[in-house]
Amino acid sequence: MMRERWHPRFSRALEPIDRVVGQIAPLLAFVRS
């Protein structure tokens, strides 16, 4: 990922958030449609 290039520590902090967003995004798309 591009994020890891400019700030690996920041990327690691966001990793669990990315996972949660990855799970919620399909739900949001399903609710909106």
PDB file of N, CA and C in Angstrom:
ATOM      1  N   MET A   1       0.840  -1.211   0.000  1.00  0.00           N
ATOM      2  CA  MET A   1       0.000   0.000   0.000  1.00  0.00           C
ATOM      3  C   MET A   1       0.871   1.255   0.000  1.00  0.00           C
ATOM      4  N   MET A   2       0.354   2.291  -0.573  1.00  0.00           N
ATOM      5  CA  MET A   2       1.120   3.535  -0.652  1.00  0.00           C
ATOM      6  C   MET A   2       1.343   4.140   0.734  1.00  0.00           C
ATOM      7  N   ARG A   3       0.397   3.937   1.622  1.00  0.00           N
ATOM      8  CA  ARG A   3       0.487   4.545   2.948  1.00  0.00           C
ATOM      9  C   ARG A   3       1.756   4.091   3.678  1.00  0.00           C
ATOM     10  N   GLU A   4       2.128   2.826   3.476  1.00  0.00           N
ATOM     11  CA  GLU A   4       3.292   2.282   4.179  1.00  0.00           C
ATOM     12  C   GLU A   4       4.579   2.984   3.767  1.00  0.00           C
ATOM     13  N   ARG A   5       4.626   3.521   2.560  1.00  0.00           N
ATOM     14  CA  ARG A   5       5.849   4.179   2.090  1.00  0.00           C
ATOM     15  C   ARG A   5       6.137   5.444   2.877  1.00  0.00           C
ATOM     16  N   TRP A   6       5.102   6.272   3.084  1.00  0.00           N
ATOM     17  CA  TRP A   6       5.377   7.559   3.732  1.00  0.00           C
ATOM     18  C   TRP A   6       5.278   7.526   5.247  1.00  0.00           C
ATOM     19  N   HIS A   7       4.616   6.527   5.819  1.00  0.00           N
ATOM     20  CA  HIS A   7       4.549   6.471   7.281  1.00  0.00           C
ATOM     21  C   HIS A   7       4.149   5.082   7.770  1.00  0.00           C
ATOM     22  N   PRO A   8       5.141   4.179   7.933  1.00  0.00           N
ATOM     23  CA  PRO A   8       4.819   2.805   8.333  1.00  0.00           C
ATOM     24  C   PRO A   8       4.123   2.730   9.685  1.00  0.00           C
ATOM     25  N   ARG A   9       4.531   3.593  10.624  1.00  0.00           N
ATOM     26  CA  ARG A   9       3.920   3.553  11.956  1.00  0.00           C
ATOM     27  C   ARG A   9       2.457   3.974  11.882  1.00  0.00           C
ATOM     28  N   PHE A  10       2.192   5.010  11.082  1.00  0.00           N
ATOM     29  CA  PHE A  10       0.826   5.494  10.899  1.00  0.00           C
ATOM     30  C   PHE A  10      -0.014   4.413  10.224  1.00  0.00           C
ATOM     31  N   SER A  11       0.597   3.739   9.265  1.00  0.00           N
ATOM     32  CA  SER A  11      -0.108   2.678   8.543  1.00  0.00           C
ATOM     33  C   SER A  11      -0.478   1.540   9.484  1.00  0.00           C
ATOM     34  N   ARG A  12       0.457   1.201  10.391  1.00  0.00           N
ATOM     35  CA  ARG A  12       0.181   0.119  11.331  1.00  0.00           C
ATOM     36  C   ARG A  12      -0.938   0.496  12.281  1.00  0.00           C
ATOM     37  N   ALA A  13      -0.985   1.762  12.654  1.00  0.00           N
ATOM     38  CA  ALA A  13      -2.037   2.228  13.562  1.00  0.00           C
ATOM     39  C   ALA A  13      -3.397   2.153  12.880  1.00  0.00           C
ATOM     40  N   LEU A  14      -3.413   2.392  11.563  1.00  0.00           N
ATOM     41  CA  LEU A  14      -4.678   2.403  10.825  1.00  0.00           C
ATOM     42  C   LEU A  14      -5.104   1.013  10.351  1.00  0.00           C
ATOM     43  N   GLU A  15      -4.231   0.036  10.515  1.00  0.00           N
ATOM     44  CA  GLU A  15      -4.544  -1.300   9.994  1.00  0.00           C
ATOM     45  C   GLU A  15      -5.837  -1.870  10.570  1.00  0.00           C
ATOM     46  N   PRO A  16      -6.046  -1.856  11.900  1.00  0.00           N
ATOM     47  CA  PRO A  16      -7.321  -2.367  12.442  1.00  0.00           C
ATOM     48  C   PRO A  16      -8.509  -1.543  11.972  1.00  0.00           C
ATOM     49  N   ILE A  17      -8.297  -0.228  11.806  1.00  0.00           N
ATOM     50  CA  ILE A  17      -9.382   0.641  11.323  1.00  0.00           C
ATOM     51  C   ILE A  17      -9.737   0.252   9.892  1.00  0.00           C
ATOM     52  N   ASP A  18      -8.695  -0.020   9.078  1.00  0.00           N
ATOM     53  CA  ASP A  18      -8.934  -0.434   7.689  1.00  0.00           C
ATOM     54  C   ASP A  18      -9.748  -1.720   7.646  1.00  0.00           C
ATOM     55  N   ARG A  19      -9.458  -2.620   8.582  1.00  0.00           N
ATOM     56  CA  ARG A  19     -10.194  -3.887   8.608  1.00  0.00           C
ATOM     57  C   ARG A  19     -11.657  -3.648   8.926  1.00  0.00           C
ATOM     58  N   VAL A  20     -11.915  -2.787   9.903  1.00  0.00           N
ATOM     59  CA  VAL A  20     -13.304  -2.494  10.292  1.00  0.00           C
ATOM     60  C   VAL A  20     -14.030  -1.804   9.142  1.00  0.00           C
ATOM     61  N   VAL A  21     -13.361  -0.835   8.518  1.00  0.00           N
ATOM     62  CA  VAL A  21     -13.966  -0.127   7.381  1.00  0.00           C
ATOM     63  C   VAL A  21     -14.243  -1.109   6.245  1.00  0.00           C
ATOM     64  N   GLY A  22     -13.316  -2.044   6.047  1.00  0.00           N
ATOM     65  CA  GLY A  22     -13.496  -3.046   4.997  1.00  0.00           C
ATOM     66  C   GLY A  22     -14.723  -3.910   5.239  1.00  0.00           C
ATOM     67  N   GLN A  23     -15.052  -4.118   6.517  1.00  0.00           N
ATOM     68  CA  GLN A  23     -16.233  -4.923   6.838  1.00  0.00           C
ATOM     69  C   GLN A  23     -17.512  -4.087   6.757  1.00  0.00           C
ATOM     70  N   ILE A  24     -17.402  -2.801   7.110  1.00  0.00           N
ATOM     71  CA  ILE A  24     -18.588  -1.931   7.147  1.00  0.00           C
ATOM     72  C   ILE A  24     -18.957  -1.414   5.750  1.00  0.00           C
ATOM     73  N   ALA A  25     -17.961  -1.192   4.911  1.00  0.00           N
ATOM     74  CA  ALA A  25     -18.209  -0.630   3.577  1.00  0.00           C
ATOM     75  C   ALA A  25     -19.265  -1.409   2.784  1.00  0.00           C
ATOM     76  N   PRO A  26     -19.171  -2.749   2.699  1.00  0.00           N
ATOM     77  CA  PRO A  26     -20.213  -3.493   1.970  1.00  0.00           C
ATOM     78  C   PRO A  26     -21.599  -3.332   2.595  1.00  0.00           C
ATOM     79  N   LEU A  27     -21.626  -3.220   3.920  1.00  0.00           N
ATOM     80  CA  LEU A  27     -22.920  -3.028   4.593  1.00  0.00           C
ATOM     81  C   LEU A  27     -23.508  -1.669   4.225  1.00  0.00           C
ATOM     82  N   LEU A  28     -22.662  -0.644   4.218  1.00  0.00           N
ATOM     83  CA  LEU A  28     -23.140   0.694   3.857  1.00  0.00           C
ATOM     84  C   LEU A  28     -23.644   0.710   2.415  1.00  0.00           C
ATOM     85  N   ALA A  29     -22.916   0.054   1.544  1.00  0.00           N
ATOM     86  CA  ALA A  29     -23.323  -0.002   0.135  1.00  0.00           C
ATOM     87  C   ALA A  29     -24.658  -0.727   0.006  1.00  0.00           C
ATOM     88  N   PHE A  30     -24.843  -1.763   0.821  1.00  0.00           N
ATOM     89  CA  PHE A  30     -26.085  -2.535   0.782  1.00  0.00           C
ATOM     90  C   PHE A  30     -27.252  -1.701   1.306  1.00  0.00           C
ATOM     91  N   VAL A  31     -27.006  -0.932   2.359  1.00  0.00           N
ATOM     92  CA  VAL A  31     -28.068  -0.110   2.955  1.00  0.00           C
ATOM     93  C   VAL A  31     -28.471   1.020   2.012  1.00  0.00           C
ATOM     94  N   ARG A  32     -27.471   1.595   1.335  1.00  0.00           N
ATOM     95  CA  ARG A  32     -27.755   2.746   0.461  1.00  0.00           C
ATOM     96  C   ARG A  32     -28.551   2.345  -0.769  1.00  0.00           C
ATOM     97  N   SER A  33     -28.283   1.154  -1.297  1.00  0.00           N
ATOM     98  CA  SER A  33     -28.934   0.764  -2.549  1.00  0.00           C
ATOM     99  C   SER A  33     -30.432   0.509  -2.366  1.00  0.00           C
TER     100      SER A  33
END
